[in-house]
C-alpha atoms as a PDB file:
ATOM      1  CA  MET A   1      35.945  74.234 150.105  1.00  0.00           C
ATOM      2  CA  SER A   2      34.703  72.292 147.260  1.00  0.00           C
ATOM      3  CA  LEU A   3      31.400  73.210 145.992  1.00  0.00           C
ATOM      4  CA  GLY A   4      30.874  69.841 144.406  1.00  0.00           C
ATOM      5  CA  GLN A   5      32.364  69.856 140.957  1.00  0.00           C
ATOM      6  CA  ASP A   6      33.693  67.060 139.215  1.00  0.00           C
ATOM      7  CA  GLY A   7      37.402  67.033 139.313  1.00  0.00           C
ATOM      8  CA  PRO A   8      39.744  69.610 141.054  1.00  0.00           C
ATOM      9  CA  PRO A   9      37.780  71.147 143.468  1.00  0.00           C
ATOM     10  CA  THR A  10      37.787  75.213 143.168  1.00  0.00           C
ATOM     11  CA  ARG A  11      38.960  76.566 147.139  1.00  0.00           C
ATOM     12  CA  THR A  12      36.316  78.886 148.060  1.00  0.00           C
ATOM     13  CA  ARG A  13      37.517  81.599 150.964  1.00  0.00           C
ATOM     14  CA  PHE A  14      34.856  82.791 152.942  1.00  0.00           C
ATOM     15  CA  PRO A  15      35.363  85.767 155.166  1.00  0.00           C
ATOM     16  CA  GLU A  16      35.790  85.116 158.705  1.00  0.00           C
ATOM     17  CA  GLY A  17      33.027  82.824 160.688  1.00  0.00           C
ATOM     18  CA  HIS A  18      32.273  81.420 157.259  1.00  0.00           C
ATOM     19  CA  GLY A  19      35.973  79.244 156.791  1.00  0.00           C
ATOM     20  CA  THR A  20      39.372  79.320 156.582  1.00  0.00           C
ATOM     21  CA  HIS A  21      41.822  80.865 154.538  1.00  0.00           C
ATOM     22  CA  GLY A  22      45.711  80.937 154.161  1.00  0.00           C
ATOM     23  CA  GLY A  23      48.979  81.706 152.353  1.00  0.00           C
ATOM     24  CA  ALA A  24      51.458  84.641 153.721  1.00  0.00           C
ATOM     25  CA  THR A  25      51.546  88.112 152.733  1.00  0.00           C
ATOM     26  CA  ARG A  26      54.291  89.160 151.154  1.00  0.00           C
ATOM     27  CA  ARG A  27      55.494  92.253 154.121  1.00  0.00           C
ATOM     28  CA  ALA A  28      53.611  93.213 157.511  1.00  0.00           C
ATOM     29  CA  GLN A  29      50.199  94.611 156.846  1.00  0.00           C
ATOM     30  CA  PRO A  30      47.791  95.957 159.182  1.00  0.00           C
ATOM     31  CA  ARG A  31      44.458  93.333 159.957  1.00  0.00           C
ATOM     32  CA  ARG A  32      41.872  95.095 158.313  1.00  0.00           C
ATOM     33  CA  ALA A  33      44.391  94.459 155.253  1.00  0.00           C
ATOM     34  CA  LEU A  34      44.014  90.753 155.901  1.00  0.00           C
ATOM     35  CA  VAL A  35      40.033  91.360 155.689  1.00  0.00           C
ATOM     36  CA  THR A  36      40.531  93.637 152.723  1.00  0.00           C
ATOM     37  CA  VAL A  37      42.400  90.177 151.055  1.00  0.00           C
ATOM     38  CA  VAL A  38      39.513  87.590 151.787  1.00  0.00           C
ATOM     39  CA  SER A  39      37.284  90.158 150.620  1.00  0.00           C
ATOM     40  CA  ILE A  40      38.763  90.042 147.315  1.00  0.00           C
ATOM     41  CA  ILE A  41      39.026  86.132 147.460  1.00  0.00           C
ATOM     42  CA  VAL A  42      35.360  86.195 148.244  1.00  0.00           C
ATOM     43  CA  LEU A  43      34.414  88.308 144.829  1.00  0.00           C
ATOM     44  CA  LEU A  44      36.149  86.403 142.731  1.00  0.00           C
ATOM     45  CA  ILE A  45      36.131  83.167 143.946  1.00  0.00           C
ATOM     46  CA  ALA A  46      33.378  82.453 146.312  1.00  0.00           C
ATOM     47  CA  ALA A  47      30.340  84.554 144.125  1.00  0.00           C
ATOM     48  CA  LEU A  48      31.798  83.073 140.669  1.00  0.00           C
ATOM     49  CA  ALA A  49      32.767  79.956 142.355  1.00  0.00           C
ATOM     50  CA  PHE A  50      28.510  79.241 142.907  1.00  0.00           C
ATOM     51  CA  ALA A  51      28.053  79.926 139.152  1.00  0.00           C
ATOM     52  CA  ASN A  52      29.981  76.801 138.368  1.00  0.00           C
ATOM     53  CA  ARG A  53      29.010  74.254 140.688  1.00  0.00           C
ATOM     54  CA  GLY A  54      28.135  70.626 138.684  1.00  0.00           C
ATOM     55  CA  SER A  55      30.482  71.749 136.345  1.00  0.00           C
ATOM     56  CA  HIS A  56      31.804  69.030 134.440  1.00  0.00           C
ATOM     57  CA  HIS A  57      34.227  71.190 132.324  1.00  0.00           C
ATOM     58  CA  SER A  58      37.178  70.647 134.327  1.00  0.00           C
ATOM     59  CA  ALA A  59      40.464  73.019 133.358  1.00  0.00           C
ATOM     60  CA  ALA A  60      43.291  70.837 135.484  1.00  0.00           C
ATOM     61  CA  GLY A  61      44.573  67.440 136.194  1.00  0.00           C
ATOM     62  CA  SER A  62      43.634  66.281 132.889  1.00  0.00           C
ATOM     63  CA  GLY A  63      46.520  64.383 130.786  1.00  0.00           C
ATOM     64  CA  ASP A  64      45.926  65.943 127.414  1.00  0.00           C
ATOM     65  CA  ASN A  65      46.055  69.436 128.870  1.00  0.00           C
ATOM     66  CA  ALA A  66      49.269  70.687 127.415  1.00  0.00           C
ATOM     67  CA  PRO A  67      49.604  74.086 125.640  1.00  0.00           C
ATOM     68  CA  SER A  68      48.852  73.819 122.579  1.00  0.00           C
ATOM     69  CA  THR A  69      50.947  76.240 119.810  1.00  0.00           C
ATOM     70  CA  THR A  70      49.262  79.544 119.551  1.00  0.00           C
ATOM     71  CA  ALA A  71      47.802  80.022 115.658  1.00  0.00           C
ATOM     72  CA  GLY A  72      49.765  82.536 114.078  1.00  0.00           C
ATOM     73  CA  SER A  73      53.203  81.847 115.510  1.00  0.00           C
ATOM     74  CA  SER A  74      56.506  80.263 114.095  1.00  0.00           C
ATOM     75  CA  GLY A  75      57.823  77.186 115.641  1.00  0.00           C
ATOM     76  CA  SER A  76      56.784  75.973 118.902  1.00  0.00           C
ATOM     77  CA  HIS A  77      56.564  77.463 122.148  1.00  0.00           C
ATOM     78  CA  GLY A  78      59.473  76.192 123.818  1.00  0.00           C
ATOM     79  CA  GLY A  79      62.540  78.747 124.475  1.00  0.00           C
ATOM     80  CA  SER A  80      61.052  81.747 122.483  1.00  0.00           C
ATOM     81  CA  SER A  81      59.411  84.247 123.450  1.00  0.00           C
ATOM     82  CA  ALA A  82      56.228  83.843 121.555  1.00  0.00           C
ATOM     83  CA  ALA A  83      53.887  82.770 124.625  1.00  0.00           C
ATOM     84  CA  THR A  84      54.250  86.221 126.067  1.00  0.00           C
ATOM     85  CA  ALA A  85      54.849  88.755 123.086  1.00  0.00           C
ATOM     86  CA  PRO A  86      51.997  91.047 122.009  1.00  0.00           C
ATOM     87  CA  THR A  87      50.916  88.779 118.759  1.00  0.00           C
ATOM     88  CA  GLY A  88      48.334  87.862 116.305  1.00  0.00           C
ATOM     89  CA  GLU A  89      45.156  89.383 115.807  1.00  0.00           C
ATOM     90  CA  LYS A  90      43.620  92.653 115.050  1.00  0.00           C
ATOM     91  CA  PRO A  91      41.177  93.467 117.599  1.00  0.00           C
ATOM     92  CA  VAL A  92      37.332  93.048 117.384  1.00  0.00           C
ATOM     93  CA  THR A  93      35.275  95.985 116.317  1.00  0.00           C
ATOM     94  CA  GLY A  94      31.938  94.658 117.477  1.00  0.00           C
ATOM     95  CA  LYS A  95      29.971  95.163 120.635  1.00  0.00           C
ATOM     96  CA  SER A  96      27.776  93.157 122.766  1.00  0.00           C
ATOM     97  CA  ALA A  97      24.277  94.584 123.823  1.00  0.00           C
ATOM     98  CA  ALA A  98      26.613  94.662 127.246  1.00  0.00           C
ATOM     99  CA  GLY A  99      29.205  96.691 125.952  1.00  0.00           C
ATOM    100  CA  ILE A 100      31.513  93.210 126.032  1.00  0.00           C
ATOM    101  CA  PRO A 101      33.811  93.482 122.736  1.00  0.00           C
ATOM    102  CA  SER A 102      32.381  90.576 120.332  1.00  0.00           C
ATOM    103  CA  GLY A 103      32.868  89.053 116.776  1.00  0.00           C
ATOM    104  CA  PHE A 104      35.833  87.112 118.065  1.00  0.00           C
ATOM    105  CA  ALA A 105      37.795  84.785 115.366  1.00  0.00           C
ATOM    106  CA  HIS A 106      37.115  81.526 115.498  1.00  0.00           C
ATOM    107  CA  THR A 107      41.193  80.389 116.137  1.00  0.00           C
ATOM    108  CA  GLU A 108      43.481  79.742 119.387  1.00  0.00           C
ATOM    109  CA  GLN A 109      43.987  83.288 119.678  1.00  0.00           C
ATOM    110  CA  GLY A 110      40.128  84.431 118.911  1.00  0.00           C
ATOM    111  CA  ALA A 111      39.471  82.475 122.219  1.00  0.00           C
ATOM    112  CA  GLN A 112      42.224  83.760 124.204  1.00  0.00           C
ATOM    113  CA  SER A 113      41.184  87.035 123.689  1.00  0.00           C
ATOM    114  CA  ALA A 114      37.530  86.542 123.992  1.00  0.00           C
ATOM    115  CA  ALA A 115      38.744  84.655 127.283  1.00  0.00           C
ATOM    116  CA  ALA A 116      40.761  88.215 128.244  1.00  0.00           C
ATOM    117  CA  ASN A 117      38.069  90.235 127.967  1.00  0.00           C
ATOM    118  CA  TYR A 118      35.287  88.074 129.921  1.00  0.00           C
ATOM    119  CA  ALA A 119      37.567  87.775 132.147  1.00  0.00           C
ATOM    120  CA  VAL A 120      37.597  91.794 132.882  1.00  0.00           C
ATOM    121  CA  ALA A 121      33.450  92.112 132.527  1.00  0.00           C
ATOM    122  CA  LEU A 122      33.208  89.308 135.021  1.00  0.00           C
ATOM    123  CA  GLY A 123      35.475  90.986 137.169  1.00  0.00           C
ATOM    124  CA  GLY A 124      34.047  94.465 137.296  1.00  0.00           C
ATOM    125  CA  ASP A 125      31.734  96.261 139.644  1.00  0.00           C
ATOM    126  CA  GLY A 126      29.247  95.793 136.829  1.00  0.00           C
ATOM    127  CA  MET A 127      28.737  92.479 138.349  1.00  0.00           C
ATOM    128  CA  PHE A 128      27.049  94.460 141.563  1.00  0.00           C
ATOM    129  CA  ASP A 129      23.995  95.563 139.699  1.00  0.00           C
ATOM    130  CA  ALA A 130      21.564  93.226 138.733  1.00  0.00           C
ATOM    131  CA  ASN A 131      20.590  94.547 135.100  1.00  0.00           C
ATOM    132  CA  ARG A 132      24.454  94.651 134.588  1.00  0.00           C
ATOM    133  CA  ARG A 133      25.227  91.107 135.899  1.00  0.00           C
ATOM    134  CA  HIS A 134      22.143  89.822 134.214  1.00  0.00           C
ATOM    135  CA  GLN A 135      24.036  91.556 130.577  1.00  0.00           C
ATOM    136  CA  ILE A 136      27.251  90.565 131.366  1.00  0.00           C
ATOM    137  CA  VAL A 137      26.274  87.162 131.714  1.00  0.00           C
ATOM    138  CA  GLY A 138      24.293  87.120 128.481  1.00  0.00           C
ATOM    139  CA  ALA A 139      26.879  88.386 126.556  1.00  0.00           C
ATOM    140  CA  VAL A 140      29.900  85.986 127.968  1.00  0.00           C
ATOM    141  CA  TYR A 141      28.272  82.648 128.917  1.00  0.00           C
ATOM    142  CA  ALA A 142      26.942  79.974 126.381  1.00  0.00           C
ATOM    143  CA  PRO A 143      23.071  79.841 126.169  1.00  0.00           C
ATOM    144  CA  SER A 144      23.561  76.141 127.534  1.00  0.00           C
ATOM    145  CA  ALA A 145      24.691  77.316 130.590  1.00  0.00           C
ATOM    146  CA  THR A 146      23.321  81.176 131.322  1.00  0.00           C
ATOM    147  CA  ALA A 147      20.133  79.967 133.113  1.00  0.00           C
ATOM    148  CA  LYS A 148      22.644  78.077 135.992  1.00  0.00           C
ATOM    149  CA  VAL A 149      24.794  80.774 136.537  1.00  0.00           C
ATOM    150  CA  GLN A 150      22.412  84.059 136.299  1.00  0.00           C
ATOM    151  CA  GLY A 151      20.574  82.189 139.418  1.00  0.00           C
ATOM    152  CA  ASP A 152      23.851  81.533 141.507  1.00  0.00           C
ATOM    153  CA  LEU A 153      25.055  84.308 140.488  1.00  0.00           C
ATOM    154  CA  ASP A 154      22.267  86.272 142.174  1.00  0.00           C
ATOM    155  CA  LYS A 155      22.134  84.748 145.131  1.00  0.00           C
ATOM    156  CA  ALA A 156      25.630  85.219 145.913  1.00  0.00           C
ATOM    157  CA  TYR A 157      25.511  89.494 144.822  1.00  0.00           C
ATOM    158  CA  ALA A 158      22.340  89.631 147.160  1.00  0.00           C
ATOM    159  CA  ASP A 159      23.918  88.301 149.927  1.00  0.00           C
ATOM    160  CA  THR A 160      23.858  91.489 152.674  1.00  0.00           C
ATOM    161  CA  ALA A 161      25.991  90.057 154.554  1.00  0.00           C
ATOM    162  CA  PHE A 162      28.701  89.545 151.606  1.00  0.00           C
ATOM    163  CA  LEU A 163      27.884  92.904 150.842  1.00  0.00           C
ATOM    164  CA  GLN A 164      28.776  94.387 154.359  1.00  0.00           C
ATOM    165  CA  ARG A 165      31.905  92.942 154.537  1.00  0.00           C
ATOM    166  CA  ILE A 166      33.456  94.533 151.703  1.00  0.00           C
ATOM    167  CA  GLY A 167      31.793  97.241 152.752  1.00  0.00           C
ATOM    168  CA  LEU A 168      28.986  97.835 150.090  1.00  0.00           C
ATOM    169  CA  LYS A 169      25.096  98.976 151.025  1.00  0.00           C
ATOM    170  CA  ALA A 170      22.565  96.375 150.553  1.00  0.00           C
ATOM    171  CA  ASN A 171      21.947  97.438 146.756  1.00  0.00           C
ATOM    172  CA  GLY A 172      25.935  97.107 146.059  1.00  0.00           C
ATOM    173  CA  THR A 173      26.561 100.657 145.879  1.00  0.00           C
ATOM    174  CA  ALA A 174      29.286 102.370 147.571  1.00  0.00           C
ATOM    175  CA  PRO A 175      28.445 104.524 150.828  1.00  0.00           C
ATOM    176  CA  THR A 176      28.721 107.816 150.230  1.00  0.00           C
ATOM    177  CA  GLY A 177      31.887 110.052 150.005  1.00  0.00           C
ATOM    178  CA  MET A 178      33.326 106.341 148.785  1.00  0.00           C
ATOM    179  CA  THR A 179      34.715 104.992 145.341  1.00  0.00           C
ATOM    180  CA  PHE A 180      34.068 101.411 144.768  1.00  0.00           C
ATOM    181  CA  ILE A 181      36.636  99.566 143.084  1.00  0.00           C
ATOM    182  CA  SER A 182      37.186  96.326 140.988  1.00  0.00           C
ATOM    183  CA  ARG A 183      38.771  95.729 138.239  1.00  0.00           C
ATOM    184  CA  VAL A 184      40.540  92.674 136.330  1.00  0.00           C
ATOM    185  CA  ASN A 185      43.910  93.784 134.664  1.00  0.00           C
ATOM    186  CA  PRO A 186      45.192  90.862 132.055  1.00  0.00           C
ATOM    187  CA  VAL A 187      48.708  90.001 131.451  1.00  0.00           C
ATOM    188  CA  GLY A 188      48.872  87.160 129.245  1.00  0.00           C
ATOM    189  CA  ALA A 189      46.739  84.188 128.014  1.00  0.00           C
ATOM    190  CA  LYS A 190      47.552  80.711 126.821  1.00  0.00           C
ATOM    191  CA  THR A 191      45.317  78.308 125.107  1.00  0.00           C
ATOM    192  CA  VAL A 192      45.511  75.078 127.375  1.00  0.00           C
ATOM    193  CA  LYS A 193      43.684  73.509 124.699  1.00  0.00           C
ATOM    194  CA  PHE A 194      41.915  73.773 121.368  1.00  0.00           C
ATOM    195  CA  ALA A 195      39.314  71.348 119.260  1.00  0.00           C
ATOM    196  CA  GLY A 196      37.844  73.262 116.445  1.00  0.00           C
ATOM    197  CA  ASP A 197      34.604  74.599 118.340  1.00  0.00           C
ATOM    198  CA  SER A 198      35.742  74.230 121.611  1.00  0.00           C
ATOM    199  CA  ALA A 199      38.993  75.812 123.769  1.00  0.00           C
ATOM    200  CA  THR A 200      40.334  75.747 127.064  1.00  0.00           C
ATOM    201  CA  VAL A 201      42.595  79.531 128.073  1.00  0.00           C
ATOM    202  CA  SER A 202      44.043  80.453 131.057  1.00  0.00           C
ATOM    203  CA  VAL A 203      43.957  84.092 131.404  1.00  0.00           C
ATOM    204  CA  TRP A 204      46.688  85.486 134.140  1.00  0.00           C
ATOM    205  CA  TYR A 205      45.937  88.904 135.881  1.00  0.00           C
ATOM    206  CA  SER A 206      45.975  91.300 138.169  1.00  0.00           C
ATOM    207  CA  SER A 207      42.917  92.442 140.009  1.00  0.00           C
ATOM    208  CA  LEU A 208      42.424  95.607 142.291  1.00  0.00           C
ATOM    209  CA  PHE A 209      39.637  96.192 144.457  1.00  0.00           C
ATOM    210  CA  GLY A 210      38.176  97.745 147.437  1.00  0.00           C
ATOM    211  CA  LEU A 211      36.660 101.279 148.260  1.00  0.00           C
ATOM    212  CA  ALA A 212      38.906 104.236 147.713  1.00  0.00           C
ATOM    213  CA  GLY A 213      37.812 107.084 150.293  1.00  0.00           C
ATOM    214  CA  GLU A 214      38.799 109.029 153.353  1.00  0.00           C
ATOM    215  CA  GLY A 215      38.094 106.382 156.249  1.00  0.00           C
ATOM    216  CA  SER A 216      37.855 103.232 154.202  1.00  0.00           C
ATOM    217  CA  THR A 217      38.076  99.892 156.199  1.00  0.00           C
ATOM    218  CA  ASN A 218      38.303  98.232 152.738  1.00  0.00           C
ATOM    219  CA  PRO A 219      40.935  99.965 150.992  1.00  0.00           C
ATOM    220  CA  VAL A 220      41.911  99.532 147.486  1.00  0.00           C
ATOM    221  CA  SER A 221      44.329  96.270 147.471  1.00  0.00           C
ATOM    222  CA  GLU A 222      45.905  94.144 144.286  1.00  0.00           C
ATOM    223  CA  SER A 223      46.417  90.335 143.629  1.00  0.00           C
ATOM    224  CA  TRP A 224      46.653  88.224 141.349  1.00  0.00           C
ATOM    225  CA  TYR A 225      44.974  85.353 140.184  1.00  0.00           C
ATOM    226  CA  THR A 226      44.899  82.947 136.753  1.00  0.00           C
ATOM    227  CA  ASN A 227      41.207  81.743 135.468  1.00  0.00           C
ATOM    228  CA  THR A 228      40.961  78.994 133.200  1.00  0.00           C
ATOM    229  CA  PHE A 229      37.854  79.230 130.691  1.00  0.00           C
ATOM    230  CA  ASP A 230      36.301  76.560 129.624  1.00  0.00           C
ATOM    231  CA  MET A 231      34.687  77.759 125.952  1.00  0.00           C
ATOM    232  CA  THR A 232      32.609  76.665 122.900  1.00  0.00           C
ATOM    233  CA  TRP A 233      31.866  77.986 119.741  1.00  0.00           C
ATOM    234  CA  SER A 234      28.054  79.334 119.729  1.00  0.00           C
ATOM    235  CA  GLY A 235      26.576  82.236 117.312  1.00  0.00           C
ATOM    236  CA  ASN A 236      29.539  82.562 115.892  1.00  0.00           C
ATOM    237  CA  ASP A 237      31.591  83.840 118.680  1.00  0.00           C
ATOM    238  CA  TRP A 238      33.536  82.389 121.615  1.00  0.00           C
ATOM    239  CA  LYS A 239      31.313  81.619 125.172  1.00  0.00           C
ATOM    240  CA  ILE A 240      32.153  80.284 128.283  1.00  0.00           C
ATOM    241  CA  THR A 241      31.106  76.959 129.285  1.00  0.00           C
ATOM    242  CA  SER A 242      32.448  76.785 132.562  1.00  0.00           C
ATOM    243  CA  PHE A 243      35.503  78.162 134.647  1.00  0.00           C
ATOM    244  CA  GLN A 244      37.957  77.695 137.458  1.00  0.00           C
ATOM    245  CA  GLN A 245      39.922  79.837 139.147  1.00  0.00           C
ATOM    246  CA  LYS A 246      43.586  79.647 141.496  1.00  0.00           C
ATOM    247  CA  ASP A 247      46.043  81.712 143.048  1.00  0.00           C
ATOM    248  CA  GLY A 248      48.750  83.684 141.618  1.00  0.00           C
ATOM    249  CA  PRO A 249      51.294  83.621 140.385  1.00  0.00           C
ATOM    250  CA  ALA A 250      52.187  86.724 141.953  1.00  0.00           C
ATOM    251  CA  PRO A 251      54.733  88.670 141.376  1.00  0.00           C
ATOM    252  CA  VAL A 252      57.091  90.089 144.806  1.00  0.00           C
ATOM    253  CA  GLY A 253      55.694  93.668 145.498  1.00  0.00           C
ATOM    254  CA  ARG A 254      58.421  96.733 145.202  1.00  0.00           C
ATOM    255  CA  ASP A 255      58.360  98.646 148.732  1.00  0.00           C
ATOM    256  CA  GLN A 256      55.848 101.966 146.975  1.00  0.00           C
ATOM    257  CA  ALA A 257      54.028 103.945 149.033  1.00  0.00           C
ATOM    258  CA  ALA A 258      50.312 103.588 148.810  1.00  0.00           C
ATOM    259  CA  ALA A 259      48.734 105.926 147.056  1.00  0.00           C
ATOM    260  CA  SER A 260      46.401 108.223 148.993  1.00  0.00           C
ATOM    261  CA  ALA A 261      42.840 107.513 148.864  1.00  0.00           C
ATOM    262  CA  GLN A 262      42.316 110.468 146.929  1.00  0.00           C
ATOM    263  CA  ASP A 263      44.991 109.365 144.624  1.00  0.00           C
ATOM    264  CA  MET A 264      43.308 106.494 143.862  1.00  0.00           C
ATOM    265  CA  THR A 265      39.978 107.714 143.205  1.00  0.00           C
ATOM    266  CA  ASP A 266      41.125 110.070 140.560  1.00  0.00           C
ATOM    267  CA  ALA A 267      43.298 107.477 139.483  1.00  0.00           C
ATOM    268  CA  VAL A 268      39.863 104.662 138.628  1.00  0.00           C
ATOM    269  CA  SER A 269      38.345 107.731 137.517  1.00  0.00           C
ATOM    270  CA  GLY A 270      40.639 108.790 135.006  1.00  0.00           C
ATOM    271  CA  PHE A 271      41.909 105.969 133.504  1.00  0.00           C
ATOM    272  CA  GLY A 272      39.970 103.867 131.364  1.00  0.00           C
ATOM    273  CA  GLY A 273      40.092  99.908 130.837  1.00  0.00           C
ATOM    274  CA  PHE A 274      40.784  98.244 127.560  1.00  0.00           C
ATOM    275  CA  THR A 275      40.045  95.449 124.952  1.00  0.00           C
ATOM    276  CA  TYR A 276      42.257  93.031 124.893  1.00  0.00           C
ATOM    277  CA  ALA A 277      43.080  91.177 121.808  1.00  0.00           C
ATOM    278  CA  ARG A 278      46.219  88.904 121.147  1.00  0.00           C
END
């Protein structure tokens, strides 16, 4: 479903009754798992796509979007492991008022690191709290984009029907006895285009999303996505102007037993996230 963007549209999939969704799962799943998959897509595509309506910064489809050589690596990407091996800049030490890393280098690698950290912030459970969401948007978006993004996201995340479908209360919190989990885990990043004060960066990541707890109708599951961010150098840091998301690439799932509700709750509570730097 196109939300009026110029250039290639961002597909938006809504819960049943609001549109269509497709794609085969890798193995048989209970019917409720299908609702979980749709819910994840709603969180990470539908809500955030609202923030990017009217964008003129398409990250795909143009002829000059060939990946460029990463700063600090030797030679070209072709036939080497440089594109996927951890390399380059030291992690930043600064943080914004929202607690998100800041002060990234004015380089391709700095843009990659910023994009990875911003993907984590935009895909986290903090987006479901109005005050926290405002802090996150203010920290990761360019001032020219903040007002529109903030308004659109507020509408999306305040939609009680949306919140109900993913199992949350009207205020965005989990029901009693449940733990809400929304976490993005970047696997890698690459520069699509770099021009000094502007950059286009793709971040490949897995996402954990759902409610952990006995009797959850939306159990925590994993999905894979790639976000492509258009970024600008603003206020001595990299900031987002717009981004688009697509599914995958998703690896083949191993035949592993799913964790119990308690084990999943303990894992997410006990294992903290990371600051991501190339």
